[in-house]
Amino acid sequence: MEDALHAVMIFTGLYAAANYKNLVHGSYSPKGIVTLVLGFAVLAGFLFLDWRALLQRKKFTFNFRIWK
């Protein structure tokens, strides 16, 4: 199973390297920029949401000190 995962990663990297211009071409469109910003917002929400407070006390808070 691990060899198959490595093969997929290698072929994906080869495709990305060979088709770099096609991958970057649509990245700076308004749709691409909005998608990037929303993706970062979702990622920040998962990182900074205080999951312990949410699950134990049902309190929706953010914790920006994640590197303790």
PDB file of N, CA and C in Angstrom:
ATOM      1  N   MET A   1       0.814  -1.192   0.000  1.00  0.00           N
ATOM      2  CA  MET A   1       0.000   0.000   0.000  1.00  0.00           C
ATOM      3  C   MET A   1       0.860   1.259   0.000  1.00  0.00           C
ATOM      4  N   GLU A   2       1.958   1.208   0.735  1.00  0.00           N
ATOM      5  CA  GLU A   2       2.831   2.372   0.829  1.00  0.00           C
ATOM      6  C   GLU A   2       3.510   2.659  -0.506  1.00  0.00           C
ATOM      7  N   ASP A   3       3.845   1.607  -1.257  1.00  0.00           N
ATOM      8  CA  ASP A   3       4.458   1.807  -2.568  1.00  0.00           C
ATOM      9  C   ASP A   3       3.489   2.462  -3.544  1.00  0.00           C
ATOM     10  N   ALA A   4       2.211   2.098  -3.454  1.00  0.00           N
ATOM     11  CA  ALA A   4       1.213   2.704  -4.326  1.00  0.00           C
ATOM     12  C   ALA A   4       1.054   4.188  -4.007  1.00  0.00           C
ATOM     13  N   LEU A   5       1.105   4.544  -2.734  1.00  0.00           N
ATOM     14  CA  LEU A   5       1.004   5.945  -2.332  1.00  0.00           C
ATOM     15  C   LEU A   5       2.201   6.738  -2.845  1.00  0.00           C
ATOM     16  N   HIS A   6       3.383   6.147  -2.761  1.00  0.00           N
ATOM     17  CA  HIS A   6       4.581   6.819  -3.287  1.00  0.00           C
ATOM     18  C   HIS A   6       4.484   7.005  -4.795  1.00  0.00           C
ATOM     19  N   ALA A   7       3.962   6.019  -5.483  1.00  0.00           N
ATOM     20  CA  ALA A   7       3.818   6.124  -6.939  1.00  0.00           C
ATOM     21  C   ALA A   7       2.847   7.242  -7.308  1.00  0.00           C
ATOM     22  N   VAL A   8       1.744   7.350  -6.585  1.00  0.00           N
ATOM     23  CA  VAL A   8       0.777   8.420  -6.849  1.00  0.00           C
ATOM     24  C   VAL A   8       1.414   9.774  -6.598  1.00  0.00           C
ATOM     25  N   MET A   9       2.170   9.896  -5.520  1.00  0.00           N
ATOM     26  CA  MET A   9       2.835  11.167  -5.210  1.00  0.00           C
ATOM     27  C   MET A   9       3.857  11.533  -6.284  1.00  0.00           C
ATOM     28  N   ILE A  10       4.595  10.568  -6.770  1.00  0.00           N
ATOM     29  CA  ILE A  10       5.595  10.835  -7.808  1.00  0.00           C
ATOM     30  C   ILE A  10       4.933  11.263  -9.103  1.00  0.00           C
ATOM     31  N   PHE A  11       3.893  10.553  -9.531  1.00  0.00           N
ATOM     32  CA  PHE A  11       3.231  10.906 -10.785  1.00  0.00           C
ATOM     33  C   PHE A  11       2.498  12.248 -10.680  1.00  0.00           C
ATOM     34  N   THR A  12       1.966  12.549  -9.503  1.00  0.00           N
ATOM     35  CA  THR A  12       1.330  13.846  -9.311  1.00  0.00           C
ATOM     36  C   THR A  12       2.356  14.962  -9.397  1.00  0.00           C
ATOM     37  N   GLY A  13       3.512  14.757  -8.798  1.00  0.00           N
ATOM     38  CA  GLY A  13       4.588  15.744  -8.875  1.00  0.00           C
ATOM     39  C   GLY A  13       5.095  15.926 -10.291  1.00  0.00           C
ATOM     40  N   LEU A  14       5.238  14.844 -11.031  1.00  0.00           N
ATOM     41  CA  LEU A  14       5.677  14.938 -12.426  1.00  0.00           C
ATOM     42  C   LEU A  14       4.662  15.692 -13.276  1.00  0.00           C
ATOM     43  N   TYR A  15       3.387  15.437 -13.053  1.00  0.00           N
ATOM     44  CA  TYR A  15       2.340  16.146 -13.795  1.00  0.00           C
ATOM     45  C   TYR A  15       2.363  17.631 -13.462  1.00  0.00           C
ATOM     46  N   ALA A  16       2.496  17.961 -12.189  1.00  0.00           N
ATOM     47  CA  ALA A  16       2.512  19.365 -11.780  1.00  0.00           C
ATOM     48  C   ALA A  16       3.733  20.084 -12.348  1.00  0.00           C
ATOM     49  N   ALA A  17       4.874  19.417 -12.373  1.00  0.00           N
ATOM     50  CA  ALA A  17       6.081  20.044 -12.906  1.00  0.00           C
ATOM     51  C   ALA A  17       5.981  20.241 -14.416  1.00  0.00           C
ATOM     52  N   ALA A  18       5.384  19.293 -15.112  1.00  0.00           N
ATOM     53  CA  ALA A  18       5.277  19.391 -16.564  1.00  0.00           C
ATOM     54  C   ALA A  18       4.219  20.389 -17.001  1.00  0.00           C
ATOM     55  N   ASN A  19       3.176  20.569 -16.215  1.00  0.00           N
ATOM     56  CA  ASN A  19       2.060  21.438 -16.590  1.00  0.00           C
ATOM     57  C   ASN A  19       1.938  22.637 -15.664  1.00  0.00           C
ATOM     58  N   TYR A  20       3.063  23.198 -15.253  1.00  0.00           N
ATOM     59  CA  TYR A  20       3.073  24.304 -14.304  1.00  0.00           C
ATOM     60  C   TYR A  20       2.320  25.520 -14.843  1.00  0.00           C
ATOM     61  N   LYS A  21       2.530  25.855 -16.083  1.00  0.00           N
ATOM     62  CA  LYS A  21       1.872  27.035 -16.648  1.00  0.00           C
ATOM     63  C   LYS A  21       0.359  26.852 -16.694  1.00  0.00           C
ATOM     64  N   ASN A  22      -0.110  25.667 -16.969  1.00  0.00           N
ATOM     65  CA  ASN A  22      -1.552  25.422 -16.988  1.00  0.00           C
ATOM     66  C   ASN A  22      -2.151  25.469 -15.577  1.00  0.00           C
ATOM     67  N   LEU A  23      -1.372  25.065 -14.568  1.00  0.00           N
ATOM     68  CA  LEU A  23      -1.881  25.084 -13.202  1.00  0.00           C
ATOM     69  C   LEU A  23      -1.967  26.508 -12.666  1.00  0.00           C
ATOM     70  N   VAL A  24      -1.017  27.355 -13.020  1.00  0.00           N
ATOM     71  CA  VAL A  24      -0.969  28.717 -12.507  1.00  0.00           C
ATOM     72  C   VAL A  24      -1.887  29.641 -13.297  1.00  0.00           C
ATOM     73  N   HIS A  25      -2.257  29.251 -14.500  1.00  0.00           N
ATOM     74  CA  HIS A  25      -3.016  30.119 -15.397  1.00  0.00           C
ATOM     75  C   HIS A  25      -4.309  30.640 -14.771  1.00  0.00           C
ATOM     76  N   GLY A  26      -5.098  29.819 -14.129  1.00  0.00           N
ATOM     77  CA  GLY A  26      -6.377  30.253 -13.585  1.00  0.00           C
ATOM     78  C   GLY A  26      -6.330  30.653 -12.120  1.00  0.00           C
ATOM     79  N   SER A  27      -5.141  30.712 -11.527  1.00  0.00           N
ATOM     80  CA  SER A  27      -5.023  30.973 -10.098  1.00  0.00           C
ATOM     81  C   SER A  27      -5.309  32.410  -9.716  1.00  0.00           C
ATOM     82  N   TYR A  28      -5.109  33.357 -10.629  1.00  0.00           N
ATOM     83  CA  TYR A  28      -5.259  34.763 -10.281  1.00  0.00           C
ATOM     84  C   TYR A  28      -6.578  35.340 -10.761  1.00  0.00           C
ATOM     85  N   SER A  29      -7.541  34.502 -11.014  1.00  0.00           N
ATOM     86  CA  SER A  29      -8.876  34.967 -11.372  1.00  0.00           C
ATOM     87  C   SER A  29      -9.621  35.340 -10.087  1.00  0.00           C
ATOM     88  N   PRO A  30     -10.676  36.118 -10.189  1.00  0.00           N
ATOM     89  CA  PRO A  30     -11.444  36.447  -8.978  1.00  0.00           C
ATOM     90  C   PRO A  30     -11.961  35.205  -8.249  1.00  0.00           C
ATOM     91  N   LYS A  31     -12.371  34.205  -9.009  1.00  0.00           N
ATOM     92  CA  LYS A  31     -12.853  32.965  -8.390  1.00  0.00           C
ATOM     93  C   LYS A  31     -11.725  32.267  -7.634  1.00  0.00           C
ATOM     94  N   GLY A  32     -10.530  32.253  -8.207  1.00  0.00           N
ATOM     95  CA  GLY A  32      -9.386  31.629  -7.549  1.00  0.00           C
ATOM     96  C   GLY A  32      -8.987  32.347  -6.276  1.00  0.00           C
ATOM     97  N   ILE A  33      -9.025  33.680  -6.304  1.00  0.00           N
ATOM     98  CA  ILE A  33      -8.663  34.465  -5.128  1.00  0.00           C
ATOM     99  C   ILE A  33      -9.683  34.273  -4.012  1.00  0.00           C
ATOM    100  N   VAL A  34     -10.975  34.273  -4.348  1.00  0.00           N
ATOM    101  CA  VAL A  34     -12.022  34.058  -3.344  1.00  0.00           C
ATOM    102  C   VAL A  34     -11.903  32.665  -2.746  1.00  0.00           C
ATOM    103  N   THR A  35     -11.620  31.677  -3.576  1.00  0.00           N
ATOM    104  CA  THR A  35     -11.450  30.307  -3.090  1.00  0.00           C
ATOM    105  C   THR A  35     -10.262  30.209  -2.145  1.00  0.00           C
ATOM    106  N   LEU A  36      -9.160  30.874  -2.468  1.00  0.00           N
ATOM    107  CA  LEU A  36      -7.979  30.867  -1.616  1.00  0.00           C
ATOM    108  C   LEU A  36      -8.263  31.523  -0.265  1.00  0.00           C
ATOM    109  N   VAL A  37      -8.927  32.662  -0.273  1.00  0.00           N
ATOM    110  CA  VAL A  37      -9.248  33.367   0.972  1.00  0.00           C
ATOM    111  C   VAL A  37     -10.200  32.531   1.830  1.00  0.00           C
ATOM    112  N   LEU A  38     -11.215  31.946   1.230  1.00  0.00           N
ATOM    113  CA  LEU A  38     -12.148  31.111   1.994  1.00  0.00           C
ATOM    114  C   LEU A  38     -11.458  29.859   2.540  1.00  0.00           C
ATOM    115  N   GLY A  39     -10.554  29.296   1.764  1.00  0.00           N
ATOM    116  CA  GLY A  39      -9.802  28.135   2.239  1.00  0.00           C
ATOM    117  C   GLY A  39      -8.950  28.467   3.448  1.00  0.00           C
ATOM    118  N   PHE A  40      -8.281  29.633   3.408  1.00  0.00           N
ATOM    119  CA  PHE A  40      -7.486  30.055   4.563  1.00  0.00           C
ATOM    120  C   PHE A  40      -8.373  30.343   5.773  1.00  0.00           C
ATOM    121  N   ALA A  41      -9.557  30.895   5.558  1.00  0.00           N
ATOM    122  CA  ALA A  41     -10.471  31.166   6.666  1.00  0.00           C
ATOM    123  C   ALA A  41     -10.934  29.865   7.322  1.00  0.00           C
ATOM    124  N   VAL A  42     -11.239  28.863   6.532  1.00  0.00           N
ATOM    125  CA  VAL A  42     -11.654  27.562   7.080  1.00  0.00           C
ATOM    126  C   VAL A  42     -10.497  26.916   7.839  1.00  0.00           C
ATOM    127  N   LEU A  43      -9.298  26.980   7.269  1.00  0.00           N
ATOM    128  CA  LEU A  43      -8.123  26.415   7.931  1.00  0.00           C
ATOM    129  C   LEU A  43      -7.841  27.128   9.249  1.00  0.00           C
ATOM    130  N   ALA A  44      -7.928  28.454   9.253  1.00  0.00           N
ATOM    131  CA  ALA A  44      -7.718  29.212  10.488  1.00  0.00           C
ATOM    132  C   ALA A  44      -8.794  28.874  11.507  1.00  0.00           C
ATOM    133  N   GLY A  45     -10.018  28.676  11.056  1.00  0.00           N
ATOM    134  CA  GLY A  45     -11.089  28.287  11.971  1.00  0.00           C
ATOM    135  C   GLY A  45     -10.804  26.961  12.647  1.00  0.00           C
ATOM    136  N   PHE A  46     -10.322  25.992  11.883  1.00  0.00           N
ATOM    137  CA  PHE A  46      -9.982  24.702  12.475  1.00  0.00           C
ATOM    138  C   PHE A  46      -8.792  24.804  13.418  1.00  0.00           C
ATOM    139  N   LEU A  47      -7.812  25.635  13.081  1.00  0.00           N
ATOM    140  CA  LEU A  47      -6.632  25.754  13.926  1.00  0.00           C
ATOM    141  C   LEU A  47      -6.902  26.522  15.211  1.00  0.00           C
ATOM    142  N   PHE A  48      -7.630  27.624  15.132  1.00  0.00           N
ATOM    143  CA  PHE A  48      -7.773  28.510  16.270  1.00  0.00           C
ATOM    144  C   PHE A  48      -9.051  28.305  17.078  1.00  0.00           C
ATOM    145  N   LEU A  49      -9.924  27.445  16.643  1.00  0.00           N
ATOM    146  CA  LEU A  49     -11.134  27.151  17.412  1.00  0.00           C
ATOM    147  C   LEU A  49     -10.749  26.358  18.653  1.00  0.00           C
ATOM    148  N   ASP A  50     -11.262  26.761  19.787  1.00  0.00           N
ATOM    149  CA  ASP A  50     -10.992  26.052  21.033  1.00  0.00           C
ATOM    150  C   ASP A  50     -11.915  24.840  21.102  1.00  0.00           C
ATOM    151  N   TRP A  51     -11.413  23.714  20.605  1.00  0.00           N
ATOM    152  CA  TRP A  51     -12.234  22.518  20.480  1.00  0.00           C
ATOM    153  C   TRP A  51     -12.634  21.962  21.841  1.00  0.00           C
ATOM    154  N   ARG A  52     -11.761  22.068  22.830  1.00  0.00           N
ATOM    155  CA  ARG A  52     -12.090  21.553  24.159  1.00  0.00           C
ATOM    156  C   ARG A  52     -13.272  22.308  24.756  1.00  0.00           C
ATOM    157  N   ALA A  53     -13.243  23.630  24.637  1.00  0.00           N
ATOM    158  CA  ALA A  53     -14.362  24.429  25.168  1.00  0.00           C
ATOM    159  C   ALA A  53     -15.642  24.133  24.390  1.00  0.00           C
ATOM    160  N   LEU A  54     -15.518  23.925  23.086  1.00  0.00           N
ATOM    161  CA  LEU A  54     -16.703  23.652  22.281  1.00  0.00           C
ATOM    162  C   LEU A  54     -17.322  22.300  22.625  1.00  0.00           C
ATOM    163  N   LEU A  55     -16.488  21.281  22.764  1.00  0.00           N
ATOM    164  CA  LEU A  55     -17.018  19.936  22.997  1.00  0.00           C
ATOM    165  C   LEU A  55     -17.417  19.691  24.442  1.00  0.00           C
ATOM    166  N   GLN A  56     -16.667  20.235  25.398  1.00  0.00           N
ATOM    167  CA  GLN A  56     -16.976  19.965  26.806  1.00  0.00           C
ATOM    168  C   GLN A  56     -17.998  20.940  27.379  1.00  0.00           C
ATOM    169  N   ARG A  57     -17.806  22.244  27.111  1.00  0.00           N
ATOM    170  CA  ARG A  57     -18.674  23.252  27.725  1.00  0.00           C
ATOM    171  C   ARG A  57     -19.668  23.861  26.745  1.00  0.00           C
ATOM    172  N   LYS A  58     -19.592  23.424  25.475  1.00  0.00           N
ATOM    173  CA  LYS A  58     -20.464  23.947  24.415  1.00  0.00           C
ATOM    174  C   LYS A  58     -20.368  25.468  24.331  1.00  0.00           C
ATOM    175  N   LYS A  59     -19.124  25.955  24.402  1.00  0.00           N
ATOM    176  CA  LYS A  59     -18.832  27.378  24.327  1.00  0.00           C
ATOM    177  C   LYS A  59     -17.956  27.626  23.110  1.00  0.00           C
ATOM    178  N   PHE A  60     -18.401  28.504  22.232  1.00  0.00           N
ATOM    179  CA  PHE A  60     -17.721  28.785  20.966  1.00  0.00           C
ATOM    180  C   PHE A  60     -16.705  29.902  21.183  1.00  0.00           C
ATOM    181  N   THR A  61     -15.414  29.528  21.345  1.00  0.00           N
ATOM    182  CA  THR A  61     -14.353  30.510  21.560  1.00  0.00           C
ATOM    183  C   THR A  61     -13.167  30.187  20.662  1.00  0.00           C
ATOM    184  N   PHE A  62     -12.332  31.191  20.467  1.00  0.00           N
ATOM    185  CA  PHE A  62     -11.105  31.013  19.702  1.00  0.00           C
ATOM    186  C   PHE A  62      -9.914  31.134  20.639  1.00  0.00           C
ATOM    187  N   ASN A  63      -8.872  30.370  20.339  1.00  0.00           N
ATOM    188  CA  ASN A  63      -7.635  30.400  21.105  1.00  0.00           C
ATOM    189  C   ASN A  63      -6.503  30.659  20.111  1.00  0.00           C
ATOM    190  N   PHE A  64      -5.926  31.861  20.168  1.00  0.00           N
ATOM    191  CA  PHE A  64      -4.885  32.213  19.220  1.00  0.00           C
ATOM    192  C   PHE A  64      -3.490  31.851  19.708  1.00  0.00           C
ATOM    193  N   ARG A  65      -3.395  31.285  20.899  1.00  0.00           N
ATOM    194  CA  ARG A  65      -2.098  30.828  21.408  1.00  0.00           C
ATOM    195  C   ARG A  65      -2.004  29.315  21.231  1.00  0.00           C
ATOM    196  N   ILE A  66      -1.770  28.868  19.999  1.00  0.00           N
ATOM    197  CA  ILE A  66      -1.739  27.435  19.734  1.00  0.00           C
ATOM    198  C   ILE A  66      -0.338  26.849  19.874  1.00  0.00           C
ATOM    199  N   TRP A  67       0.691  27.673  19.893  1.00  0.00           N
ATOM    200  CA  TRP A  67       2.077  27.192  20.036  1.00  0.00           C
ATOM    201  C   TRP A  67       2.491  27.334  21.490  1.00  0.00           C
ATOM    202  N   LYS A  68       2.203  26.346  22.290  1.00  0.00           N
ATOM    203  CA  LYS A  68       2.504  26.425  23.725  1.00  0.00           C
ATOM    204  C   LYS A  68       3.858  25.832  24.016  1.00  0.00           C
TER     205      LYS A  68
END
